[in-house]
Amino acid sequence: MDSEASVAYALFRLKKWKPSEYYNMGAGERLITRAFLKQEIQDLKEEMKNKGR
């Protein structure tokens, strides 16, 4: 799966977005969305790690 499809899938799974909502964005908006998604995933991993302590 390419990175664009992976992002669209993650947004579908986590945010209930339709893939077209991501693909219809401009390039700049997709770039920011990917950065936000990456940060959210990092935050979730850190929260899960801290719950285990």
PDB file of N, CA and C in Angstrom:
ATOM      1  N   MET A   1       0.862  -1.180   0.000  1.00  0.00           N
ATOM      2  CA  MET A   1       0.000   0.000   0.000  1.00  0.00           C
ATOM      3  C   MET A   1       0.902   1.234   0.000  1.00  0.00           C
ATOM      4  N   ASP A   2       0.622   2.192  -0.867  1.00  0.00           N
ATOM      5  CA  ASP A   2       1.449   3.395  -0.905  1.00  0.00           C
ATOM      6  C   ASP A   2       1.123   4.305   0.274  1.00  0.00           C
ATOM      7  N   SER A   3       1.958   5.306   0.489  1.00  0.00           N
ATOM      8  CA  SER A   3       1.783   6.153   1.671  1.00  0.00           C
ATOM      9  C   SER A   3       0.488   6.954   1.623  1.00  0.00           C
ATOM     10  N   GLU A   4       0.079   7.397   0.451  1.00  0.00           N
ATOM     11  CA  GLU A   4      -1.181   8.142   0.345  1.00  0.00           C
ATOM     12  C   GLU A   4      -2.362   7.255   0.732  1.00  0.00           C
ATOM     13  N   ALA A   5      -2.352   6.025   0.266  1.00  0.00           N
ATOM     14  CA  ALA A   5      -3.428   5.098   0.614  1.00  0.00           C
ATOM     15  C   ALA A   5      -3.390   4.772   2.103  1.00  0.00           C
ATOM     16  N   SER A   6      -2.196   4.659   2.668  1.00  0.00           N
ATOM     17  CA  SER A   6      -2.069   4.389   4.107  1.00  0.00           C
ATOM     18  C   SER A   6      -2.649   5.529   4.930  1.00  0.00           C
ATOM     19  N   VAL A   7      -2.384   6.751   4.507  1.00  0.00           N
ATOM     20  CA  VAL A   7      -2.940   7.914   5.213  1.00  0.00           C
ATOM     21  C   VAL A   7      -4.459   7.919   5.086  1.00  0.00           C
ATOM     22  N   ALA A   8      -4.959   7.700   3.878  1.00  0.00           N
ATOM     23  CA  ALA A   8      -6.410   7.677   3.675  1.00  0.00           C
ATOM     24  C   ALA A   8      -7.054   6.589   4.527  1.00  0.00           C
ATOM     25  N   TYR A   9      -6.410   5.430   4.615  1.00  0.00           N
ATOM     26  CA  TYR A   9      -6.946   4.347   5.436  1.00  0.00           C
ATOM     27  C   TYR A   9      -6.930   4.719   6.923  1.00  0.00           C
ATOM     28  N   ALA A  10      -5.830   5.296   7.388  1.00  0.00           N
ATOM     29  CA  ALA A  10      -5.745   5.690   8.800  1.00  0.00           C
ATOM     30  C   ALA A  10      -6.813   6.728   9.141  1.00  0.00           C
ATOM     31  N   LEU A  11      -7.035   7.670   8.249  1.00  0.00           N
ATOM     32  CA  LEU A  11      -8.077   8.670   8.490  1.00  0.00           C
ATOM     33  C   LEU A  11      -9.462   8.023   8.492  1.00  0.00           C
ATOM     34  N   PHE A  12      -9.664   7.058   7.616  1.00  0.00           N
ATOM     35  CA  PHE A  12     -10.925   6.311   7.582  1.00  0.00           C
ATOM     36  C   PHE A  12     -11.138   5.575   8.902  1.00  0.00           C
ATOM     37  N   ARG A  13     -10.085   4.861   9.370  1.00  0.00           N
ATOM     38  CA  ARG A  13     -10.167   4.072  10.609  1.00  0.00           C
ATOM     39  C   ARG A  13     -10.327   4.943  11.853  1.00  0.00           C
ATOM     40  N   LEU A  14      -9.496   5.964  11.947  1.00  0.00           N
ATOM     41  CA  LEU A  14      -9.435   6.762  13.174  1.00  0.00           C
ATOM     42  C   LEU A  14     -10.423   7.911  13.221  1.00  0.00           C
ATOM     43  N   LYS A  15     -10.713   8.488  12.073  1.00  0.00           N
ATOM     44  CA  LYS A  15     -11.527   9.707  12.026  1.00  0.00           C
ATOM     45  C   LYS A  15     -12.848   9.551  11.288  1.00  0.00           C
ATOM     46  N   LYS A  16     -13.062   8.357  10.715  1.00  0.00           N
ATOM     47  CA  LYS A  16     -14.292   8.083   9.946  1.00  0.00           C
ATOM     48  C   LYS A  16     -14.421   8.983   8.718  1.00  0.00           C
ATOM     49  N   TRP A  17     -13.263   9.401   8.155  1.00  0.00           N
ATOM     50  CA  TRP A  17     -13.262  10.195   6.929  1.00  0.00           C
ATOM     51  C   TRP A  17     -13.466   9.277   5.740  1.00  0.00           C
ATOM     52  N   LYS A  18     -14.159   9.777   4.735  1.00  0.00           N
ATOM     53  CA  LYS A  18     -14.215   9.089   3.454  1.00  0.00           C
ATOM     54  C   LYS A  18     -12.875   9.324   2.768  1.00  0.00           C
ATOM     55  N   PRO A  19     -12.349   8.334   2.057  1.00  0.00           N
ATOM     56  CA  PRO A  19     -11.080   8.550   1.345  1.00  0.00           C
ATOM     57  C   PRO A  19     -11.122   9.777   0.428  1.00  0.00           C
ATOM     58  N   SER A  20     -12.263  10.043  -0.167  1.00  0.00           N
ATOM     59  CA  SER A  20     -12.367  11.200  -1.068  1.00  0.00           C
ATOM     60  C   SER A  20     -12.144  12.518  -0.326  1.00  0.00           C
ATOM     61  N   GLU A  21     -12.446  12.565   0.971  1.00  0.00           N
ATOM     62  CA  GLU A  21     -12.203  13.792   1.728  1.00  0.00           C
ATOM     63  C   GLU A  21     -10.712  14.115   1.761  1.00  0.00           C
ATOM     64  N   TYR A  22      -9.893  13.088   1.863  1.00  0.00           N
ATOM     65  CA  TYR A  22      -8.448  13.289   1.850  1.00  0.00           C
ATOM     66  C   TYR A  22      -7.948  13.571   0.434  1.00  0.00           C
ATOM     67  N   TYR A  23      -8.348  12.730  -0.522  1.00  0.00           N
ATOM     68  CA  TYR A  23      -7.842  12.870  -1.886  1.00  0.00           C
ATOM     69  C   TYR A  23      -8.296  14.162  -2.565  1.00  0.00           C
ATOM     70  N   ASN A  24      -9.407  14.744  -2.150  1.00  0.00           N
ATOM     71  CA  ASN A  24      -9.895  15.980  -2.761  1.00  0.00           C
ATOM     72  C   ASN A  24      -9.239  17.234  -2.191  1.00  0.00           C
ATOM     73  N   MET A  25      -8.395  17.089  -1.176  1.00  0.00           N
ATOM     74  CA  MET A  25      -7.683  18.237  -0.605  1.00  0.00           C
ATOM     75  C   MET A  25      -6.581  18.677  -1.569  1.00  0.00           C
ATOM     76  N   GLY A  26      -6.184  19.916  -1.418  1.00  0.00           N
ATOM     77  CA  GLY A  26      -5.012  20.391  -2.143  1.00  0.00           C
ATOM     78  C   GLY A  26      -3.752  19.780  -1.539  1.00  0.00           C
ATOM     79  N   ALA A  27      -2.649  19.907  -2.249  1.00  0.00           N
ATOM     80  CA  ALA A  27      -1.392  19.296  -1.798  1.00  0.00           C
ATOM     81  C   ALA A  27      -0.950  19.837  -0.441  1.00  0.00           C
ATOM     82  N   GLY A  28      -1.080  21.139  -0.220  1.00  0.00           N
ATOM     83  CA  GLY A  28      -0.682  21.727   1.056  1.00  0.00           C
ATOM     84  C   GLY A  28      -1.522  21.230   2.213  1.00  0.00           C
ATOM     85  N   GLU A  29      -2.816  21.121   1.987  1.00  0.00           N
ATOM     86  CA  GLU A  29      -3.717  20.638   3.038  1.00  0.00           C
ATOM     87  C   GLU A  29      -3.446  19.162   3.348  1.00  0.00           C
ATOM     88  N   ARG A  30      -3.142  18.360   2.317  1.00  0.00           N
ATOM     89  CA  ARG A  30      -2.780  16.961   2.558  1.00  0.00           C
ATOM     90  C   ARG A  30      -1.489  16.861   3.360  1.00  0.00           C
ATOM     91  N   LEU A  31      -0.525  17.727   3.058  1.00  0.00           N
ATOM     92  CA  LEU A  31       0.737  17.740   3.797  1.00  0.00           C
ATOM     93  C   LEU A  31       0.494  18.015   5.281  1.00  0.00           C
ATOM     94  N   ILE A  32      -0.314  19.009   5.585  1.00  0.00           N
ATOM     95  CA  ILE A  32      -0.619  19.335   6.980  1.00  0.00           C
ATOM     96  C   ILE A  32      -1.405  18.206   7.633  1.00  0.00           C
ATOM     97  N   THR A  33      -2.344  17.622   6.920  1.00  0.00           N
ATOM     98  CA  THR A  33      -3.127  16.513   7.463  1.00  0.00           C
ATOM     99  C   THR A  33      -2.226  15.332   7.802  1.00  0.00           C
ATOM    100  N   ARG A  34      -1.270  15.020   6.934  1.00  0.00           N
ATOM    101  CA  ARG A  34      -0.326  13.933   7.228  1.00  0.00           C
ATOM    102  C   ARG A  34       0.499  14.237   8.471  1.00  0.00           C
ATOM    103  N   ALA A  35       0.941  15.492   8.608  1.00  0.00           N
ATOM    104  CA  ALA A  35       1.726  15.872   9.783  1.00  0.00           C
ATOM    105  C   ALA A  35       0.888  15.751  11.056  1.00  0.00           C
ATOM    106  N   PHE A  36      -0.353  16.191  11.003  1.00  0.00           N
ATOM    107  CA  PHE A  36      -1.247  16.083  12.164  1.00  0.00           C
ATOM    108  C   PHE A  36      -1.514  14.626  12.511  1.00  0.00           C
ATOM    109  N   LEU A  37      -1.742  13.798  11.506  1.00  0.00           N
ATOM    110  CA  LEU A  37      -2.003  12.379  11.733  1.00  0.00           C
ATOM    111  C   LEU A  37      -0.785  11.708  12.358  1.00  0.00           C
ATOM    112  N   LYS A  38       0.397  12.016  11.839  1.00  0.00           N
ATOM    113  CA  LYS A  38       1.626  11.454  12.397  1.00  0.00           C
ATOM    114  C   LYS A  38       1.772  11.841  13.860  1.00  0.00           C
ATOM    115  N   GLN A  39       1.502  13.107  14.190  1.00  0.00           N
ATOM    116  CA  GLN A  39       1.601  13.553  15.574  1.00  0.00           C
ATOM    117  C   GLN A  39       0.570  12.860  16.456  1.00  0.00           C
ATOM    118  N   GLU A  40      -0.648  12.723  15.959  1.00  0.00           N
ATOM    119  CA  GLU A  40      -1.684  12.055  16.742  1.00  0.00           C
ATOM    120  C   GLU A  40      -1.304  10.612  17.043  1.00  0.00           C
ATOM    121  N   ILE A  41      -0.766   9.910  16.059  1.00  0.00           N
ATOM    122  CA  ILE A  41      -0.359   8.514  16.269  1.00  0.00           C
ATOM    123  C   ILE A  41       0.764   8.444  17.294  1.00  0.00           C
ATOM    124  N   GLN A  42       1.722   9.366  17.221  1.00  0.00           N
ATOM    125  CA  GLN A  42       2.800   9.408  18.221  1.00  0.00           C
ATOM    126  C   GLN A  42       2.238   9.678  19.613  1.00  0.00           C
ATOM    127  N   ASP A  43       1.289  10.605  19.710  1.00  0.00           N
ATOM    128  CA  ASP A  43       0.663  10.926  21.001  1.00  0.00           C
ATOM    129  C   ASP A  43      -0.074   9.717  21.569  1.00  0.00           C
ATOM    130  N   LEU A  44      -0.805   9.001  20.708  1.00  0.00           N
ATOM    131  CA  LEU A  44      -1.536   7.816  21.158  1.00  0.00           C
ATOM    132  C   LEU A  44      -0.587   6.732  21.652  1.00  0.00           C
ATOM    133  N   LYS A  45       0.520   6.532  20.936  1.00  0.00           N
ATOM    134  CA  LYS A  45       1.513   5.541  21.369  1.00  0.00           C
ATOM    135  C   LYS A  45       2.088   5.922  22.730  1.00  0.00           C
ATOM    136  N   GLU A  46       2.384   7.196  22.927  1.00  0.00           N
ATOM    137  CA  GLU A  46       2.938   7.662  24.202  1.00  0.00           C
ATOM    138  C   GLU A  46       1.915   7.495  25.332  1.00  0.00           C
ATOM    139  N   GLU A  47       0.660   7.802  25.058  1.00  0.00           N
ATOM    140  CA  GLU A  47      -0.394   7.626  26.073  1.00  0.00           C
ATOM    141  C   GLU A  47      -0.526   6.157  26.470  1.00  0.00           C
ATOM    142  N   MET A  48      -0.492   5.258  25.472  1.00  0.00           N
ATOM    143  CA  MET A  48      -0.598   3.831  25.774  1.00  0.00           C
ATOM    144  C   MET A  48       0.603   3.359  26.570  1.00  0.00           C
ATOM    145  N   LYS A  49       1.775   3.846  26.224  1.00  0.00           N
ATOM    146  CA  LYS A  49       2.993   3.491  26.936  1.00  0.00           C
ATOM    147  C   LYS A  49       2.923   3.952  28.399  1.00  0.00           C
ATOM    148  N   ASN A  50       2.421   5.154  28.621  1.00  0.00           N
ATOM    149  CA  ASN A  50       2.326   5.705  29.972  1.00  0.00           C
ATOM    150  C   ASN A  50       1.257   5.018  30.814  1.00  0.00           C
ATOM    151  N   LYS A  51       0.211   4.503  30.186  1.00  0.00           N
ATOM    152  CA  LYS A  51      -0.825   3.769  30.924  1.00  0.00           C
ATOM    153  C   LYS A  51      -0.287   2.455  31.491  1.00  0.00           C
ATOM    154  N   GLY A  52       0.737   1.927  30.844  1.00  0.00           N
ATOM    155  CA  GLY A  52       1.320   0.660  31.282  1.00  0.00           C
ATOM    156  C   GLY A  52       2.238   0.801  32.483  1.00  0.00           C
ATOM    157  N   ARG A  53       2.524   1.997  32.886  1.00  0.00           N
ATOM    158  CA  ARG A  53       3.440   2.221  34.017  1.00  0.00           C
ATOM    159  C   ARG A  53       2.774   2.058  35.331  1.00  0.00           C
TER     160      ARG A  53
END
